[in-house]
Amino acid sequence: MTGHRADGTQLRRGPRPLSLHLNVALAMLLSSSGGLPLLKSGWLPWRPPLRQRAEELRRQIARFESQPRDPKASDQKTSSGEALRQAVDREMRRRIDSVLTGIERYRHHPHHRDLADPPVVWREGGTRLLDYGPPGGRPVLFVPSLVNRHYILDLSPGKSLMRWLPEQGIRPLLIDWGTPGPLERRFTLTDYIAGRLERALDAVVEATGRPVPLVGYCMGGLLTTALALRRPRSVAGLGLLATPWDFHAEDAAVAKRAAAFFQPFGPALERWGELPTDALQALFAQLDPMLALKKFSQFARMDPASPAAAAFVALEDWLNDGVPLVAAVARDALEGWYGRNDTATGNWLVGGLPVDPARLMVPTLALIPERDRIVPPASAMALPKVIPHAEMIVPPLGHIGMVVSAGAEVGAWQPLARWLSATG
């Protein structure tokens, strides 16, 4: 869904997919009145962590409805039960208005990312290698996920790991995967890792004259783990930021649902050559179906001219600027990683060889956000546990917060910079 502002510029498309987020938010809120009798009767099947709170709320409702009404009150003819139902209805409408207001304000907000790209020192197909300098700094190759844009590591002037590291004597070189074209739509994970990523590493080693550390973020950590095993002489160290490994460690059922989500797209996938961005966004939305409702309701309460509002828009724009996942990679990631847990079971193959992190002999640091909802900490911890002598740091941050939040510099950036400076 797109539109245009009065000045002719295009409205934002997000939150993507917009229809899904709107339908989920409205369904959740509009069910409140229908759920009230079930709550009062005790029929709702609460999850164990919520049962005590639900029972206390039920007792409070019972006490309220048993209280005698004030004869002087203007609504004295209204029963306590009816008054409660009307209050729930008013609150439901207020929250609907709040989330719709937040989405509308986001779509019209004037903020747009305007950071200029650094020099491109290598490219192949739709992929670029961005050099953030300085020329004499310690070169490090950063590899982001294939399903999100690279600039989460260079989001805005005050929230850019790539622009902060040169101040610490580090020369970050960041892969920008770009958007899959006709060539990339035929790629497998082997093509990305043993082909394009190896050639990018070769270009960096040739230009700098020495092995370089690799740092992978999220899915990029899986790619760099496989790359480090294939090219140990070119790699001085391995940094893993919020990298999953055991996809069944915390909740195998959730991981298998992600794999099942892929199935309806199977027949069309070969024809498309890719899994569309909106399908991927719908998959991520399953992690917290209420997230859009919560965050856009909060945005509606912000001053649109505040730095906090601009920061919200910058991050939300990145989230909605995803790229499709090519067909073979989507199949391997969803069916292989999430469905069968190929990584942790030793069945993930790249170039015909298993990706076995126990064979890694390079210094390794894993930064594992404690509050990560996208990559459960138990999944991420499984990887450094099998890498010989790997270090592990668990900052009190979230998956995205570890690179852009107010606590990112102290909790993640500084430990990473110290480790990189001491590596190799």
Protein backbone atom coordinates (compact mmCIF):
# COMPACT_ATOMS: atom_id res chain seq x y z
CA MET A 1 0.00 0.00 0.00
CA THR A 2 1.53 3.28 -1.11
CA GLY A 3 0.46 6.88 -1.53
CA HIS A 4 1.88 10.35 -1.90
CA ARG A 5 2.17 13.46 0.24
CA ALA A 6 0.88 16.83 -0.89
CA ASP A 7 4.38 17.71 -2.16
CA GLY A 8 4.40 14.63 -4.41
CA THR A 9 6.89 12.54 -2.40
CA GLN A 10 5.97 8.94 -1.71
CA LEU A 11 4.48 7.85 1.59
CA ARG A 12 6.16 5.12 3.54
CA ARG A 13 4.89 1.62 2.86
CA GLY A 14 5.39 0.37 6.38
CA PRO A 15 4.83 -1.11 8.75
CA ARG A 16 5.10 -4.05 6.37
CA PRO A 17 2.94 -5.89 5.65
CA LEU A 18 0.55 -3.12 6.65
CA SER A 19 -2.64 -5.15 6.23
CA LEU A 20 -1.33 -7.89 8.53
CA HIS A 21 -0.33 -5.48 11.31
CA LEU A 22 -3.65 -3.61 11.09
CA ASN A 23 -5.72 -6.79 11.11
CA VAL A 24 -3.83 -8.29 14.05
CA ALA A 25 -4.03 -5.08 16.12
CA LEU A 26 -7.75 -4.61 15.41
CA ALA A 27 -8.55 -8.28 16.03
CA MET A 28 -6.74 -8.21 19.37
CA LEU A 29 -8.46 -5.02 20.53
CA LEU A 30 -11.94 -5.74 19.19
CA SER A 31 -11.94 -9.09 20.98
CA SER A 32 -11.64 -7.35 24.36
CA SER A 33 -15.39 -7.04 24.95
CA GLY A 34 -15.95 -10.66 23.97
CA GLY A 35 -13.11 -11.80 26.20
CA LEU A 36 -14.42 -10.02 29.31
CA PRO A 37 -17.09 -12.63 30.18
CA LEU A 38 -14.52 -15.40 29.68
CA LEU A 39 -12.08 -13.64 31.99
CA LYS A 40 -14.75 -13.17 34.65
CA SER A 41 -15.80 -16.82 34.46
CA GLY A 42 -12.24 -18.15 34.63
CA TRP A 43 -12.61 -20.02 31.34
CA LEU A 44 -9.63 -18.44 29.56
CA PRO A 45 -6.65 -20.88 29.28
CA TRP A 46 -3.82 -18.68 30.57
CA ARG A 47 -0.18 -19.60 30.16
CA PRO A 48 1.48 -20.51 33.49
CA PRO A 49 3.43 -17.21 33.89
CA LEU A 50 0.17 -15.23 33.53
CA ARG A 51 -2.22 -17.34 35.58
CA GLN A 52 -1.58 -15.57 38.89
CA ARG A 53 -2.01 -12.10 37.38
CA ALA A 54 -5.18 -13.18 35.58
CA GLU A 55 -6.66 -14.60 38.77
CA GLU A 56 -5.92 -11.39 40.67
CA LEU A 57 -7.57 -9.35 37.89
CA ARG A 58 -10.62 -11.62 38.04
CA ARG A 59 -10.88 -11.08 41.80
CA GLN A 60 -10.64 -7.30 41.35
CA ILE A 61 -13.47 -7.39 38.80
CA ALA A 62 -15.61 -9.46 41.17
CA ARG A 63 -15.00 -6.98 44.03
CA PHE A 64 -15.86 -4.04 41.77
CA GLU A 65 -19.11 -5.60 40.60
CA SER A 66 -20.16 -6.51 44.13
CA GLN A 67 -19.83 -2.93 45.42
CA PRO A 68 -23.10 -1.00 45.88
CA ARG A 69 -23.56 1.83 43.37
CA ASP A 70 -23.48 5.46 44.55
CA PRO A 71 -27.13 6.64 44.48
CA LYS A 72 -25.94 10.18 43.63
CA ALA A 73 -23.97 9.04 40.59
CA SER A 74 -25.31 10.21 37.22
CA ASP A 75 -25.23 6.65 35.90
CA GLN A 76 -26.93 5.13 38.94
CA LYS A 77 -29.27 3.11 36.71
CA THR A 78 -26.27 1.39 35.14
CA SER A 79 -25.17 -1.82 36.81
CA SER A 80 -21.59 -2.33 37.88
CA GLY A 81 -21.19 -5.03 35.25
CA GLU A 82 -22.51 -2.77 32.50
CA ALA A 83 -20.30 0.09 33.69
CA LEU A 84 -17.26 -2.18 33.45
CA ARG A 85 -18.23 -3.32 29.96
CA GLN A 86 -18.60 0.29 28.84
CA ALA A 87 -15.22 1.18 30.35
CA VAL A 88 -13.58 -1.70 28.47
CA ASP A 89 -15.26 -0.53 25.26
CA ARG A 90 -14.00 3.04 25.74
CA GLU A 91 -10.46 1.83 26.40
CA MET A 92 -10.60 -0.44 23.36
CA ARG A 93 -11.61 2.48 21.15
CA ARG A 94 -8.91 4.69 22.65
CA ARG A 95 -6.24 2.11 21.89
CA ILE A 96 -7.48 1.61 18.34
CA ASP A 97 -7.28 5.34 17.79
CA SER A 98 -3.80 5.42 19.32
CA VAL A 99 -2.31 2.73 17.09
CA LEU A 100 -3.91 4.17 13.94
CA THR A 101 -2.65 7.64 14.87
CA GLY A 102 0.86 6.29 15.42
CA ILE A 103 0.93 4.53 12.05
CA GLU A 104 -0.39 7.60 10.23
CA ARG A 105 2.16 9.89 11.90
CA TYR A 106 4.96 7.50 11.03
CA ARG A 107 3.93 7.34 7.39
CA HIS A 108 3.97 11.15 7.15
CA HIS A 109 7.01 11.90 9.31
CA PRO A 110 9.55 14.17 7.56
CA HIS A 111 12.67 12.31 8.75
CA HIS A 112 14.69 10.48 6.09
CA ARG A 113 18.13 8.92 6.32
CA ASP A 114 20.63 11.15 4.55
CA LEU A 115 24.02 9.61 5.39
CA ALA A 116 26.33 9.49 2.38
CA ASP A 117 27.85 6.11 1.55
CA PRO A 118 31.61 5.71 2.10
CA PRO A 119 33.84 4.68 -0.84
CA VAL A 120 33.08 1.39 -2.59
CA VAL A 121 36.31 -0.63 -2.83
CA TRP A 122 34.91 -3.81 -4.42
CA ARG A 123 31.72 -4.91 -6.07
CA GLU A 124 30.26 -7.96 -7.75
CA GLY A 125 26.71 -8.23 -9.07
CA GLY A 126 24.48 -6.36 -6.65
CA THR A 127 27.00 -6.64 -3.80
CA ARG A 128 29.26 -3.79 -2.69
CA LEU A 129 32.07 -3.52 -0.14
CA LEU A 130 31.98 -0.19 1.70
CA ASP A 131 35.20 1.17 3.26
CA TYR A 132 34.66 3.36 6.32
CA GLY A 133 38.41 3.96 6.86
CA PRO A 134 40.78 5.19 8.14
CA PRO A 135 43.35 3.78 5.67
CA GLY A 136 45.85 2.97 8.43
CA GLY A 137 43.31 1.39 10.78
CA ARG A 138 42.97 -2.29 11.64
CA PRO A 139 40.92 -3.74 8.72
CA VAL A 140 37.85 -5.79 9.70
CA LEU A 141 35.30 -7.35 7.34
CA PHE A 142 31.70 -6.94 8.59
CA VAL A 143 28.99 -9.22 7.19
CA PRO A 144 25.28 -8.46 7.83
CA SER A 145 22.25 -10.67 7.27
CA LEU A 146 20.99 -11.44 3.80
CA VAL A 147 17.41 -10.44 4.71
CA ASN A 148 17.97 -6.96 6.14
CA ARG A 149 19.81 -3.98 4.79
CA HIS A 150 23.42 -3.42 5.82
CA TYR A 151 22.88 0.07 7.21
CA ILE A 152 21.57 -1.08 10.59
CA LEU A 153 25.30 -0.83 11.37
CA ASP A 154 25.32 2.73 9.97
CA LEU A 155 21.83 3.92 10.86
CA SER A 156 22.33 7.59 11.71
CA PRO A 157 25.14 9.96 12.74
CA GLY A 158 24.72 9.18 16.43
CA LYS A 159 23.96 5.49 15.99
CA SER A 160 26.57 4.12 13.63
CA LEU A 161 28.93 1.36 14.72
CA MET A 162 30.72 1.75 11.36
CA ARG A 163 31.46 5.46 11.97
CA TRP A 164 32.36 4.98 15.63
CA LEU A 165 34.95 2.22 15.09
CA PRO A 166 37.38 4.36 13.01
CA GLU A 167 37.72 6.60 16.08
CA GLN A 168 39.06 3.52 17.88
CA GLY A 169 41.66 2.77 15.18
CA ILE A 170 39.50 0.16 13.41
CA ARG A 171 38.90 0.22 9.63
CA PRO A 172 35.47 -1.37 9.06
CA LEU A 173 34.73 -2.78 5.61
CA LEU A 174 31.03 -3.55 5.37
CA ILE A 175 29.30 -5.87 2.92
CA ASP A 176 26.17 -4.41 1.32
CA TRP A 177 24.41 -7.39 -0.25
CA GLY A 178 22.12 -5.17 -2.30
CA THR A 179 18.90 -6.47 -3.84
CA PRO A 180 18.97 -9.89 -5.54
CA GLY A 181 19.05 -9.61 -9.31
CA PRO A 182 18.65 -12.28 -12.02
CA LEU A 183 22.07 -13.73 -11.16
CA GLU A 184 21.58 -13.85 -7.38
CA ARG A 185 18.14 -15.45 -7.73
CA ARG A 186 19.95 -18.62 -8.77
CA PHE A 187 22.29 -18.51 -5.74
CA THR A 188 22.51 -21.07 -2.97
CA LEU A 189 24.18 -20.50 0.39
CA THR A 190 27.29 -22.08 -1.12
CA ASP A 191 27.27 -19.47 -3.89
CA TYR A 192 27.08 -16.68 -1.32
CA ILE A 193 29.72 -18.09 1.05
CA ALA A 194 32.16 -20.07 -1.11
CA GLY A 195 31.71 -17.67 -4.00
CA ARG A 196 30.87 -14.04 -3.43
CA LEU A 197 31.92 -13.76 0.21
CA GLU A 198 35.23 -15.55 -0.36
CA ARG A 199 36.02 -13.20 -3.23
CA ALA A 200 35.21 -10.18 -1.05
CA LEU A 201 37.56 -11.56 1.62
CA ASP A 202 40.25 -12.11 -1.02
CA ALA A 203 39.92 -8.49 -2.12
CA VAL A 204 40.36 -7.23 1.45
CA VAL A 205 43.36 -9.49 2.17
CA GLU A 206 45.00 -8.51 -1.10
CA ALA A 207 44.45 -4.80 -0.45
CA THR A 208 45.67 -4.90 3.15
CA GLY A 209 48.36 -7.56 2.84
CA ARG A 210 47.33 -9.57 5.90
CA PRO A 211 44.58 -11.79 7.36
CA VAL A 212 41.61 -9.87 8.73
CA PRO A 213 39.03 -10.49 11.45
CA LEU A 214 35.47 -11.27 10.35
CA VAL A 215 32.44 -9.94 12.23
CA GLY A 216 28.99 -11.32 11.39
CA TYR A 217 25.70 -9.91 12.63
CA CYS A 218 22.74 -12.30 13.05
CA MET A 219 22.55 -14.47 9.91
CA GLY A 220 25.84 -12.87 8.85
CA GLY A 221 27.49 -14.72 11.76
CA LEU A 222 26.48 -18.05 10.23
CA LEU A 223 27.97 -16.97 6.91
CA THR A 224 31.24 -15.85 8.52
CA THR A 225 31.50 -19.04 10.59
CA ALA A 226 31.39 -21.09 7.40
CA LEU A 227 33.80 -18.66 5.69
CA ALA A 228 36.33 -18.86 8.53
CA LEU A 229 36.33 -22.66 8.26
CA ARG A 230 36.93 -22.50 4.51
CA ARG A 231 39.64 -19.81 4.56
CA PRO A 232 41.49 -20.06 7.90
CA ARG A 233 44.71 -18.51 6.55
CA SER A 234 42.86 -15.36 5.52
CA VAL A 235 41.00 -14.93 8.82
CA ALA A 236 42.58 -13.44 11.95
CA GLY A 237 39.54 -13.73 14.20
CA LEU A 238 35.79 -14.28 14.27
CA GLY A 239 33.29 -11.94 15.92
CA LEU A 240 29.72 -13.19 16.28
CA LEU A 241 26.96 -10.67 17.04
CA ALA A 242 23.59 -12.23 18.01
CA THR A 243 24.29 -15.27 15.82
CA PRO A 244 21.88 -18.24 16.03
CA TRP A 245 23.14 -21.81 15.97
CA ASP A 246 20.85 -24.24 17.80
CA PHE A 247 17.48 -23.24 16.39
CA HIS A 248 15.66 -25.70 18.68
CA ALA A 249 17.48 -24.74 21.89
CA GLU A 250 14.78 -22.64 23.49
CA ASP A 251 11.52 -23.57 21.75
CA ALA A 252 11.67 -26.15 18.98
CA ALA A 253 7.94 -25.75 18.31
CA VAL A 254 8.35 -22.06 17.43
CA ALA A 255 11.24 -22.86 15.08
CA LYS A 256 9.24 -25.59 13.37
CA ARG A 257 6.29 -23.22 12.94
CA ALA A 258 8.64 -20.89 11.08
CA ALA A 259 9.54 -23.76 8.77
CA ALA A 260 5.85 -24.61 8.30
CA PHE A 261 5.16 -20.96 7.45
CA PHE A 262 7.38 -21.45 4.41
CA GLN A 263 5.30 -24.29 2.97
CA PRO A 264 2.46 -22.26 1.37
CA PHE A 265 5.02 -20.33 -0.67
CA GLY A 266 6.75 -23.45 -1.99
CA PRO A 267 4.83 -23.85 -5.28
CA ALA A 268 5.35 -20.19 -6.23
CA LEU A 269 8.91 -19.91 -4.98
CA GLU A 270 10.57 -21.39 -8.04
CA ARG A 271 8.61 -19.09 -10.33
CA TRP A 272 9.39 -15.99 -8.25
CA GLY A 273 13.00 -17.00 -7.60
CA GLU A 274 12.74 -15.43 -4.15
CA LEU A 275 10.69 -15.20 -0.96
CA PRO A 276 9.15 -11.70 -0.99
CA THR A 277 10.00 -9.14 1.65
CA ASP A 278 6.43 -8.94 2.96
CA ALA A 279 6.37 -12.71 3.46
CA LEU A 280 9.57 -12.48 5.51
CA GLN A 281 8.15 -9.58 7.52
CA ALA A 282 5.03 -11.60 8.23
CA LEU A 283 7.25 -14.42 9.50
CA PHE A 284 9.08 -12.07 11.89
CA ALA A 285 5.73 -10.67 13.07
CA GLN A 286 4.90 -14.09 14.53
CA LEU A 287 7.59 -13.55 17.18
CA ASP A 288 5.44 -10.85 18.81
CA PRO A 289 2.07 -10.30 17.09
CA MET A 290 1.31 -7.36 19.41
CA LEU A 291 4.58 -5.51 18.74
CA ALA A 292 3.18 -3.16 16.08
CA LEU A 293 0.26 -2.24 18.33
CA LYS A 294 2.56 -1.49 21.25
CA LYS A 295 5.24 0.48 19.45
CA PHE A 296 2.96 2.61 17.25
CA SER A 297 0.73 3.42 20.21
CA GLN A 298 3.85 4.60 22.01
CA PHE A 299 4.93 6.60 18.94
CA ALA A 300 1.53 8.36 18.92
CA ARG A 301 2.38 9.79 22.34
CA MET A 302 5.76 11.19 21.23
CA ASP A 303 6.44 14.75 20.20
CA PRO A 304 6.86 14.39 16.40
CA ALA A 305 9.69 16.95 16.47
CA SER A 306 11.64 15.16 19.20
CA PRO A 307 14.91 13.24 18.71
CA ALA A 308 13.14 10.15 20.07
CA ALA A 309 10.56 10.34 17.28
CA ALA A 310 13.27 10.73 14.63
CA ALA A 311 15.13 7.73 16.10
CA PHE A 312 11.94 5.66 16.01
CA VAL A 313 11.32 6.56 12.36
CA ALA A 314 14.94 5.82 11.39
CA LEU A 315 14.79 2.33 12.89
CA GLU A 316 11.31 1.61 11.56
CA ASP A 317 12.38 2.69 8.06
CA TRP A 318 15.25 0.19 8.23
CA LEU A 319 12.92 -2.58 9.40
CA ASN A 320 10.62 -1.93 6.46
CA ASP A 321 13.47 -1.69 3.95
CA GLY A 322 14.07 -5.43 3.85
CA VAL A 323 15.16 -7.38 0.80
CA PRO A 324 13.79 -10.67 -0.61
CA LEU A 325 15.53 -13.93 0.21
CA VAL A 326 16.43 -15.94 -2.88
CA ALA A 327 14.59 -19.23 -3.27
CA ALA A 328 17.34 -21.75 -2.48
CA VAL A 329 18.56 -19.77 0.52
CA ALA A 330 15.01 -19.37 1.85
CA ARG A 331 14.53 -23.13 1.60
CA ASP A 332 17.83 -23.91 3.33
CA ALA A 333 17.27 -21.35 6.08
CA LEU A 334 13.64 -22.12 6.89
CA GLU A 335 13.45 -25.83 6.22
CA GLY A 336 17.08 -26.65 7.04
CA TRP A 337 17.97 -24.33 9.91
CA TYR A 338 14.60 -23.73 11.55
CA GLY A 339 12.88 -26.98 10.61
CA ARG A 340 15.59 -29.64 10.85
CA ASN A 341 18.13 -27.67 12.94
CA ASP A 342 20.87 -28.59 10.43
CA THR A 343 23.41 -26.27 12.06
CA ALA A 344 23.39 -27.79 15.55
CA THR A 345 23.03 -31.36 14.29
CA GLY A 346 26.07 -31.10 12.00
CA ASN A 347 24.05 -31.43 8.80
CA TRP A 348 24.58 -27.97 7.32
CA LEU A 349 26.78 -28.31 4.24
CA VAL A 350 28.60 -25.58 2.31
CA GLY A 351 30.38 -26.70 -0.83
CA GLY A 352 29.66 -30.30 0.13
CA LEU A 353 31.45 -30.06 3.50
CA PRO A 354 29.80 -29.85 6.94
CA VAL A 355 30.10 -26.55 8.80
CA ASP A 356 31.75 -27.82 12.00
CA PRO A 357 32.63 -24.96 14.38
CA ALA A 358 34.61 -27.36 16.59
CA ARG A 359 37.33 -27.17 13.91
CA LEU A 360 37.70 -23.38 14.18
CA MET A 361 41.17 -22.40 15.37
CA VAL A 362 40.89 -18.59 15.20
CA PRO A 363 40.24 -16.30 18.18
CA THR A 364 36.48 -15.96 18.57
CA LEU A 365 34.26 -13.53 20.47
CA ALA A 366 30.48 -14.01 20.72
CA LEU A 367 28.35 -11.05 21.84
CA ILE A 368 24.98 -12.48 22.85
CA PRO A 369 22.24 -9.99 23.80
CA GLU A 370 20.50 -11.08 26.97
CA ARG A 371 17.11 -9.64 25.89
CA ASP A 372 17.13 -10.95 22.34
CA ARG A 373 13.67 -12.01 21.13
CA ILE A 374 14.73 -12.71 17.54
CA VAL A 375 17.67 -15.01 18.34
CA PRO A 376 17.05 -16.61 21.76
CA PRO A 377 20.24 -16.45 23.89
CA ALA A 378 20.23 -20.24 24.26
CA SER A 379 20.41 -20.57 20.48
CA ALA A 380 23.32 -18.12 20.22
CA MET A 381 25.24 -19.57 23.19
CA ALA A 382 25.32 -22.98 21.53
CA LEU A 383 27.85 -21.74 18.94
CA PRO A 384 30.69 -20.40 21.14
CA LYS A 385 30.27 -23.44 23.40
CA VAL A 386 31.56 -25.69 20.62
CA ILE A 387 34.27 -23.31 19.29
CA PRO A 388 37.58 -23.98 21.06
CA HIS A 389 38.55 -21.19 23.48
CA ALA A 390 35.76 -18.85 22.33
CA GLU A 391 34.98 -15.86 24.55
CA MET A 392 31.39 -14.94 25.33
CA ILE A 393 29.89 -11.63 26.52
CA VAL A 394 26.18 -11.27 27.35
CA PRO A 395 25.20 -7.58 27.45
CA PRO A 396 21.75 -6.60 28.82
CA LEU A 397 20.52 -5.53 25.38
CA GLY A 398 18.20 -6.68 22.61
CA HIS A 399 18.89 -8.03 19.14
CA ILE A 400 18.75 -4.65 17.42
CA GLY A 401 19.49 -2.68 20.57
CA MET A 402 22.99 -4.14 20.70
CA VAL A 403 23.91 -2.02 17.67
CA VAL A 404 21.69 1.09 17.90
CA SER A 405 20.36 1.57 21.44
CA ALA A 406 21.57 4.06 24.02
CA GLY A 407 23.40 1.24 25.80
CA ALA A 408 25.01 -0.20 22.66
CA GLU A 409 28.31 1.69 22.92
CA VAL A 410 29.10 0.52 26.44
CA GLY A 411 27.50 -2.91 26.24
CA ALA A 412 28.59 -4.05 22.76
CA TRP A 413 30.67 -1.56 20.77
CA GLN A 414 33.43 -1.05 23.32
CA PRO A 415 33.98 -4.77 24.10
CA LEU A 416 34.03 -5.50 20.37
CA ALA A 417 36.54 -2.71 19.66
CA ARG A 418 38.85 -3.86 22.47
CA TRP A 419 38.77 -7.43 21.19
CA LEU A 420 39.39 -6.41 17.58
CA SER A 421 42.33 -4.22 18.59
CA ALA A 422 43.90 -7.14 20.45
CA THR A 423 43.21 -9.74 17.74
CA GLY A 424 45.96 -10.66 15.29
